[in-house]
Amino acid sequence: MTFDILQWREDFFKATDAMDTNKWAPFWAETYELRFNDHKVNGKQSVREMFDAQFGLLSEMRHETIRWWYHDHTFFNEMIVHYRVKGDPENLVISIPAFAIGDVDEDHGVLSNFRIYLNDSELTKRIQYVQSLKK
């Protein structure tokens, strides 16, 4: 059976945007390595813990692909990631350009390595603002 990278991509981002690591983790190899800007996380469980904490701060996350390339088991994805912060009284959408590179193990349908690059300072400021309203 031939690996369908376009179906895999659709399923991967659907699981990602669900903000549920139980749905997303099946796409990660056990030895999964994630680099989120300058933060490096190794191992499926550590990545799960990092995103569980992050997802707890968000009410929505949606990936919009602008360009997608796939070559030799590696994808390159230019995108815009749209976020909403949980508890934001204005319910603002924060849209951030991003770029991701992922190495896909086609035999198992999982990522072994994933690098995400984006400037999340606007999102961080909004999270801090919303959290300050709770004090």
N, C-alpha and C. Protein backbone atom coordinates (compact mmCIF):
# COMPACT_ATOMS: atom_id res chain seq x y z
N MET A 1 0.84 -1.18 0.00
CA MET A 1 0.00 0.00 0.00
C MET A 1 0.88 1.25 0.00
N THR A 2 0.54 2.20 -0.81
CA THR A 2 1.31 3.43 -0.94
C THR A 2 0.91 4.43 0.14
N PHE A 3 1.90 5.08 0.69
CA PHE A 3 1.68 6.10 1.71
C PHE A 3 1.11 7.35 1.04
N ASP A 4 0.00 7.86 1.54
CA ASP A 4 -0.66 9.04 1.00
C ASP A 4 -0.32 10.25 1.89
N ILE A 5 0.70 11.00 1.50
CA ILE A 5 1.17 12.10 2.32
C ILE A 5 0.13 13.21 2.43
N LEU A 6 -0.67 13.42 1.40
CA LEU A 6 -1.67 14.49 1.47
C LEU A 6 -2.79 14.14 2.46
N GLN A 7 -3.19 12.87 2.49
CA GLN A 7 -4.18 12.45 3.48
C GLN A 7 -3.58 12.51 4.88
N TRP A 8 -2.32 12.09 4.99
CA TRP A 8 -1.61 12.15 6.27
C TRP A 8 -1.58 13.59 6.78
N ARG A 9 -1.22 14.53 5.88
CA ARG A 9 -1.16 15.95 6.25
C ARG A 9 -2.52 16.44 6.76
N GLU A 10 -3.59 16.11 6.04
CA GLU A 10 -4.93 16.53 6.46
C GLU A 10 -5.26 15.97 7.84
N ASP A 11 -4.98 14.70 8.05
CA ASP A 11 -5.27 14.05 9.34
C ASP A 11 -4.40 14.63 10.45
N PHE A 12 -3.14 14.89 10.15
CA PHE A 12 -2.20 15.45 11.13
C PHE A 12 -2.68 16.81 11.63
N PHE A 13 -3.03 17.71 10.71
CA PHE A 13 -3.43 19.04 11.14
C PHE A 13 -4.83 19.05 11.75
N LYS A 14 -5.68 18.14 11.35
CA LYS A 14 -6.98 18.02 12.01
C LYS A 14 -6.78 17.61 13.47
N ALA A 15 -5.89 16.67 13.71
CA ALA A 15 -5.58 16.24 15.08
C ALA A 15 -4.88 17.35 15.86
N THR A 16 -3.98 18.07 15.21
CA THR A 16 -3.28 19.17 15.85
C THR A 16 -4.27 20.24 16.29
N ASP A 17 -5.14 20.64 15.39
CA ASP A 17 -6.08 21.72 15.67
C ASP A 17 -7.17 21.32 16.67
N ALA A 18 -7.32 20.03 16.93
CA ALA A 18 -8.25 19.58 17.97
C ALA A 18 -7.73 19.92 19.36
N MET A 19 -6.43 20.25 19.46
CA MET A 19 -5.78 20.61 20.72
C MET A 19 -5.98 19.52 21.78
N ASP A 20 -5.85 18.29 21.35
CA ASP A 20 -5.99 17.13 22.22
C ASP A 20 -4.81 16.21 21.93
N THR A 21 -3.87 16.15 22.86
CA THR A 21 -2.67 15.35 22.59
C THR A 21 -2.99 13.87 22.44
N ASN A 22 -4.12 13.39 22.94
CA ASN A 22 -4.49 12.00 22.71
C ASN A 22 -4.79 11.73 21.24
N LYS A 23 -5.29 12.74 20.54
CA LYS A 23 -5.55 12.61 19.10
C LYS A 23 -4.30 12.87 18.28
N TRP A 24 -3.42 13.73 18.80
CA TRP A 24 -2.25 14.15 18.05
C TRP A 24 -1.06 13.22 18.24
N ALA A 25 -0.90 12.66 19.43
CA ALA A 25 0.28 11.84 19.74
C ALA A 25 0.47 10.62 18.84
N PRO A 26 -0.57 10.00 18.29
CA PRO A 26 -0.34 8.87 17.39
C PRO A 26 0.48 9.22 16.14
N PHE A 27 0.64 10.51 15.86
CA PHE A 27 1.43 10.94 14.72
C PHE A 27 2.92 11.11 15.06
N TRP A 28 3.28 10.86 16.32
CA TRP A 28 4.66 11.05 16.77
C TRP A 28 5.33 9.71 17.02
N ALA A 29 6.58 9.58 16.61
CA ALA A 29 7.38 8.41 16.95
C ALA A 29 7.69 8.44 18.45
N GLU A 30 7.97 7.29 19.01
CA GLU A 30 8.31 7.23 20.46
C GLU A 30 9.52 8.11 20.78
N THR A 31 10.46 8.19 19.86
CA THR A 31 11.68 8.98 20.06
C THR A 31 11.54 10.37 19.44
N TYR A 32 10.32 10.81 19.27
CA TYR A 32 9.99 12.10 18.65
C TYR A 32 10.82 13.22 19.24
N GLU A 33 11.35 14.06 18.34
CA GLU A 33 12.09 15.25 18.76
C GLU A 33 11.40 16.47 18.19
N LEU A 34 11.06 17.40 19.06
CA LEU A 34 10.39 18.63 18.66
C LEU A 34 11.29 19.81 18.98
N ARG A 35 11.38 20.71 18.03
CA ARG A 35 12.04 22.00 18.29
C ARG A 35 10.99 23.08 17.98
N PHE A 36 10.62 23.82 19.01
CA PHE A 36 9.66 24.91 18.89
C PHE A 36 10.44 26.19 19.11
N ASN A 37 10.79 26.87 18.02
CA ASN A 37 11.72 28.00 18.05
C ASN A 37 13.03 27.53 18.68
N ASP A 38 13.42 28.08 19.82
CA ASP A 38 14.70 27.67 20.43
C ASP A 38 14.51 26.66 21.55
N HIS A 39 13.29 26.15 21.70
CA HIS A 39 12.99 25.18 22.77
C HIS A 39 12.97 23.77 22.17
N LYS A 40 13.82 22.90 22.69
CA LYS A 40 13.91 21.53 22.19
C LYS A 40 13.33 20.56 23.22
N VAL A 41 12.48 19.65 22.74
CA VAL A 41 11.85 18.67 23.62
C VAL A 41 12.04 17.30 22.98
N ASN A 42 12.48 16.33 23.78
CA ASN A 42 12.73 14.98 23.29
C ASN A 42 11.78 13.98 23.93
N GLY A 43 11.24 13.10 23.11
CA GLY A 43 10.40 12.03 23.61
C GLY A 43 8.94 12.37 23.59
N LYS A 44 8.14 11.40 23.24
CA LYS A 44 6.70 11.57 23.08
C LYS A 44 6.03 12.12 24.35
N GLN A 45 6.39 11.59 25.51
CA GLN A 45 5.74 12.02 26.75
C GLN A 45 6.08 13.47 27.08
N SER A 46 7.31 13.87 26.88
CA SER A 46 7.70 15.26 27.16
C SER A 46 6.99 16.24 26.24
N VAL A 47 6.83 15.86 24.97
CA VAL A 47 6.12 16.72 24.03
C VAL A 47 4.66 16.83 24.43
N ARG A 48 4.08 15.70 24.83
CA ARG A 48 2.68 15.69 25.27
C ARG A 48 2.49 16.66 26.45
N GLU A 49 3.38 16.60 27.43
CA GLU A 49 3.28 17.47 28.60
C GLU A 49 3.39 18.94 28.22
N MET A 50 4.30 19.26 27.30
CA MET A 50 4.47 20.64 26.86
C MET A 50 3.20 21.16 26.20
N PHE A 51 2.63 20.38 25.29
CA PHE A 51 1.44 20.84 24.58
C PHE A 51 0.19 20.80 25.44
N ASP A 52 0.08 19.86 26.36
CA ASP A 52 -1.07 19.86 27.26
C ASP A 52 -1.12 21.18 28.04
N ALA A 53 0.03 21.65 28.48
CA ALA A 53 0.10 22.93 29.21
C ALA A 53 -0.29 24.09 28.28
N GLN A 54 0.24 24.09 27.07
CA GLN A 54 -0.05 25.17 26.12
C GLN A 54 -1.53 25.17 25.72
N PHE A 55 -2.07 24.00 25.43
CA PHE A 55 -3.46 23.92 25.00
C PHE A 55 -4.42 24.38 26.09
N GLY A 56 -4.02 24.24 27.33
CA GLY A 56 -4.84 24.71 28.44
C GLY A 56 -5.04 26.22 28.45
N LEU A 57 -4.19 26.94 27.74
CA LEU A 57 -4.26 28.40 27.68
C LEU A 57 -5.05 28.90 26.47
N LEU A 58 -5.39 28.00 25.57
CA LEU A 58 -6.02 28.38 24.30
C LEU A 58 -7.45 27.88 24.21
N SER A 59 -8.29 28.63 23.52
CA SER A 59 -9.63 28.13 23.22
C SER A 59 -9.72 27.65 21.78
N GLU A 60 -8.76 28.07 20.95
CA GLU A 60 -8.75 27.64 19.55
C GLU A 60 -7.35 27.75 18.97
N MET A 61 -7.04 26.82 18.08
CA MET A 61 -5.82 26.88 17.27
C MET A 61 -6.19 26.28 15.92
N ARG A 62 -5.82 26.99 14.86
CA ARG A 62 -6.13 26.50 13.52
C ARG A 62 -4.96 26.81 12.59
N HIS A 63 -4.53 25.80 11.85
CA HIS A 63 -3.43 25.95 10.90
C HIS A 63 -3.97 26.15 9.49
N GLU A 64 -3.47 27.18 8.84
CA GLU A 64 -3.85 27.47 7.45
C GLU A 64 -2.59 27.33 6.60
N THR A 65 -2.54 26.31 5.76
CA THR A 65 -1.37 26.09 4.93
C THR A 65 -1.35 27.07 3.76
N ILE A 66 -0.22 27.71 3.59
CA ILE A 66 0.01 28.63 2.46
C ILE A 66 0.74 27.90 1.34
N ARG A 67 1.83 27.24 1.72
CA ARG A 67 2.60 26.43 0.76
C ARG A 67 3.04 25.15 1.46
N TRP A 68 3.10 24.09 0.69
CA TRP A 68 3.49 22.78 1.21
C TRP A 68 4.41 22.12 0.20
N TRP A 69 5.54 21.63 0.66
CA TRP A 69 6.45 20.87 -0.18
C TRP A 69 6.76 19.57 0.54
N TYR A 70 6.92 18.52 -0.24
CA TYR A 70 7.29 17.23 0.35
C TYR A 70 8.32 16.59 -0.56
N HIS A 71 9.45 16.25 0.04
CA HIS A 71 10.53 15.64 -0.74
C HIS A 71 11.35 14.74 0.16
N ASP A 72 11.58 13.54 -0.29
CA ASP A 72 12.48 12.61 0.39
C ASP A 72 12.14 12.46 1.89
N HIS A 73 10.87 12.24 2.19
CA HIS A 73 10.36 11.99 3.54
C HIS A 73 10.37 13.22 4.45
N THR A 74 10.55 14.40 3.87
CA THR A 74 10.56 15.63 4.66
C THR A 74 9.57 16.62 4.07
N PHE A 75 8.74 17.21 4.96
CA PHE A 75 7.83 18.25 4.46
C PHE A 75 8.28 19.61 4.96
N PHE A 76 7.92 20.59 4.18
CA PHE A 76 8.18 21.99 4.47
C PHE A 76 6.83 22.68 4.36
N ASN A 77 6.41 23.35 5.41
CA ASN A 77 5.07 23.92 5.44
C ASN A 77 5.12 25.39 5.85
N GLU A 78 4.76 26.25 4.92
CA GLU A 78 4.57 27.66 5.24
C GLU A 78 3.10 27.81 5.59
N MET A 79 2.81 28.45 6.71
CA MET A 79 1.43 28.51 7.17
C MET A 79 1.17 29.77 7.98
N ILE A 80 -0.09 29.95 8.30
CA ILE A 80 -0.51 30.94 9.28
C ILE A 80 -1.25 30.15 10.35
N VAL A 81 -0.86 30.38 11.60
CA VAL A 81 -1.52 29.70 12.72
C VAL A 81 -2.41 30.74 13.41
N HIS A 82 -3.67 30.40 13.54
CA HIS A 82 -4.66 31.29 14.16
C HIS A 82 -4.95 30.78 15.56
N TYR A 83 -4.88 31.67 16.53
CA TYR A 83 -5.09 31.31 17.93
C TYR A 83 -6.17 32.20 18.55
N ARG A 84 -6.85 31.64 19.55
CA ARG A 84 -7.69 32.41 20.47
C ARG A 84 -7.28 31.99 21.87
N VAL A 85 -7.17 32.96 22.75
CA VAL A 85 -6.75 32.70 24.13
C VAL A 85 -7.99 32.41 24.97
N LYS A 86 -7.92 31.35 25.75
CA LYS A 86 -9.03 30.97 26.63
C LYS A 86 -9.28 32.08 27.65
N GLY A 87 -10.55 32.49 27.76
CA GLY A 87 -10.92 33.52 28.72
C GLY A 87 -10.74 34.94 28.23
N ASP A 88 -10.32 35.14 26.99
CA ASP A 88 -10.12 36.48 26.44
C ASP A 88 -11.49 37.16 26.30
N PRO A 89 -11.73 38.26 27.01
CA PRO A 89 -13.04 38.90 26.94
C PRO A 89 -13.37 39.45 25.55
N GLU A 90 -12.34 39.73 24.75
CA GLU A 90 -12.56 40.24 23.39
C GLU A 90 -12.55 39.11 22.36
N ASN A 91 -12.15 37.92 22.77
CA ASN A 91 -12.11 36.75 21.89
C ASN A 91 -11.33 37.03 20.60
N LEU A 92 -10.21 37.74 20.74
CA LEU A 92 -9.40 38.11 19.58
C LEU A 92 -8.80 36.89 18.89
N VAL A 93 -8.70 36.96 17.57
CA VAL A 93 -7.95 35.97 16.81
C VAL A 93 -6.56 36.54 16.57
N ILE A 94 -5.56 35.80 16.97
CA ILE A 94 -4.17 36.19 16.76
C ILE A 94 -3.62 35.28 15.67
N SER A 95 -3.23 35.88 14.55
CA SER A 95 -2.75 35.12 13.40
C SER A 95 -1.26 35.33 13.24
N ILE A 96 -0.51 34.24 13.22
CA ILE A 96 0.95 34.31 13.21
C ILE A 96 1.51 33.49 12.05
N PRO A 97 2.32 34.13 11.18
CA PRO A 97 3.00 33.36 10.14
C PRO A 97 3.98 32.37 10.78
N ALA A 98 4.07 31.19 10.19
CA ALA A 98 4.95 30.15 10.75
C ALA A 98 5.52 29.30 9.63
N PHE A 99 6.58 28.59 9.98
CA PHE A 99 7.20 27.65 9.05
C PHE A 99 7.55 26.39 9.83
N ALA A 100 7.25 25.25 9.25
CA ALA A 100 7.54 23.97 9.92
C ALA A 100 8.23 23.02 8.95
N ILE A 101 9.09 22.21 9.52
CA ILE A 101 9.79 21.16 8.77
C ILE A 101 9.60 19.88 9.56
N GLY A 102 9.17 18.83 8.88
CA GLY A 102 8.95 17.56 9.57
C GLY A 102 9.50 16.39 8.79
N ASP A 103 10.08 15.45 9.50
CA ASP A 103 10.60 14.22 8.91
C ASP A 103 9.60 13.10 9.18
N VAL A 104 9.08 12.52 8.10
CA VAL A 104 8.01 11.53 8.21
C VAL A 104 8.58 10.12 7.98
N ASP A 105 8.27 9.23 8.91
CA ASP A 105 8.55 7.80 8.74
C ASP A 105 7.33 7.22 8.03
N GLU A 106 7.43 7.07 6.73
CA GLU A 106 6.28 6.62 5.93
C GLU A 106 5.87 5.19 6.27
N ASP A 107 6.80 4.37 6.72
CA ASP A 107 6.45 2.98 7.06
C ASP A 107 5.49 2.90 8.24
N HIS A 108 5.59 3.89 9.14
CA HIS A 108 4.76 3.88 10.35
C HIS A 108 3.80 5.06 10.43
N GLY A 109 3.91 6.00 9.48
CA GLY A 109 3.01 7.15 9.45
C GLY A 109 3.20 8.10 10.62
N VAL A 110 4.44 8.27 11.07
CA VAL A 110 4.71 9.14 12.22
C VAL A 110 5.85 10.10 11.91
N LEU A 111 5.88 11.16 12.70
CA LEU A 111 6.98 12.12 12.63
C LEU A 111 8.09 11.69 13.57
N SER A 112 9.31 11.74 13.10
CA SER A 112 10.44 11.48 13.98
C SER A 112 11.06 12.78 14.47
N ASN A 113 10.87 13.83 13.69
CA ASN A 113 11.50 15.10 13.99
C ASN A 113 10.60 16.20 13.44
N PHE A 114 10.36 17.24 14.24
CA PHE A 114 9.48 18.32 13.81
C PHE A 114 10.05 19.62 14.32
N ARG A 115 10.24 20.58 13.43
CA ARG A 115 10.76 21.90 13.79
C ARG A 115 9.72 22.95 13.41
N ILE A 116 9.37 23.81 14.35
CA ILE A 116 8.37 24.85 14.14
C ILE A 116 9.02 26.19 14.47
N TYR A 117 8.87 27.13 13.56
CA TYR A 117 9.44 28.45 13.75
C TYR A 117 8.36 29.51 13.57
N LEU A 118 8.14 30.31 14.61
CA LEU A 118 7.18 31.41 14.55
C LEU A 118 7.51 32.41 15.65
N ASN A 119 7.08 33.63 15.45
CA ASN A 119 7.25 34.66 16.47
C ASN A 119 5.96 34.71 17.28
N ASP A 120 5.98 34.10 18.44
CA ASP A 120 4.77 33.98 19.25
C ASP A 120 4.65 35.08 20.31
N SER A 121 5.39 36.18 20.14
CA SER A 121 5.38 37.24 21.17
C SER A 121 4.00 37.88 21.32
N GLU A 122 3.26 38.08 20.23
CA GLU A 122 1.92 38.66 20.33
C GLU A 122 0.98 37.73 21.10
N LEU A 123 1.09 36.43 20.83
CA LEU A 123 0.27 35.46 21.55
C LEU A 123 0.64 35.43 23.03
N THR A 124 1.93 35.43 23.32
CA THR A 124 2.39 35.42 24.71
C THR A 124 1.89 36.65 25.46
N LYS A 125 1.95 37.82 24.83
CA LYS A 125 1.45 39.05 25.47
C LYS A 125 -0.04 38.94 25.75
N ARG A 126 -0.79 38.36 24.81
CA ARG A 126 -2.23 38.26 25.01
C ARG A 126 -2.55 37.28 26.15
N ILE A 127 -1.83 36.18 26.21
CA ILE A 127 -2.02 35.22 27.31
C ILE A 127 -1.73 35.90 28.64
N GLN A 128 -0.62 36.65 28.71
CA GLN A 128 -0.28 37.35 29.95
C GLN A 128 -1.35 38.36 30.33
N TYR A 129 -1.89 39.08 29.34
CA TYR A 129 -2.93 40.07 29.60
C TYR A 129 -4.18 39.37 30.16
N VAL A 130 -4.62 38.30 29.51
CA VAL A 130 -5.83 37.59 29.96
C VAL A 130 -5.61 37.03 31.36
N GLN A 131 -4.43 36.49 31.62
CA GLN A 131 -4.14 35.96 32.97
C GLN A 131 -4.13 37.07 34.01
N SER A 132 -3.70 38.28 33.63
CA SER A 132 -3.67 39.39 34.58
C SER A 132 -5.09 39.82 34.97
N LEU A 133 -6.05 39.57 34.13
CA LEU A 133 -7.45 39.92 34.45
C LEU A 133 -8.02 39.03 35.54
N LYS A 134 -7.42 37.88 35.73
CA LYS A 134 -7.91 36.92 36.72
C LYS A 134 -7.40 37.22 38.11
N LYS A 135 -6.44 38.11 38.23
CA LYS A 135 -5.82 38.40 39.54
C LYS A 135 -6.60 39.39 40.34
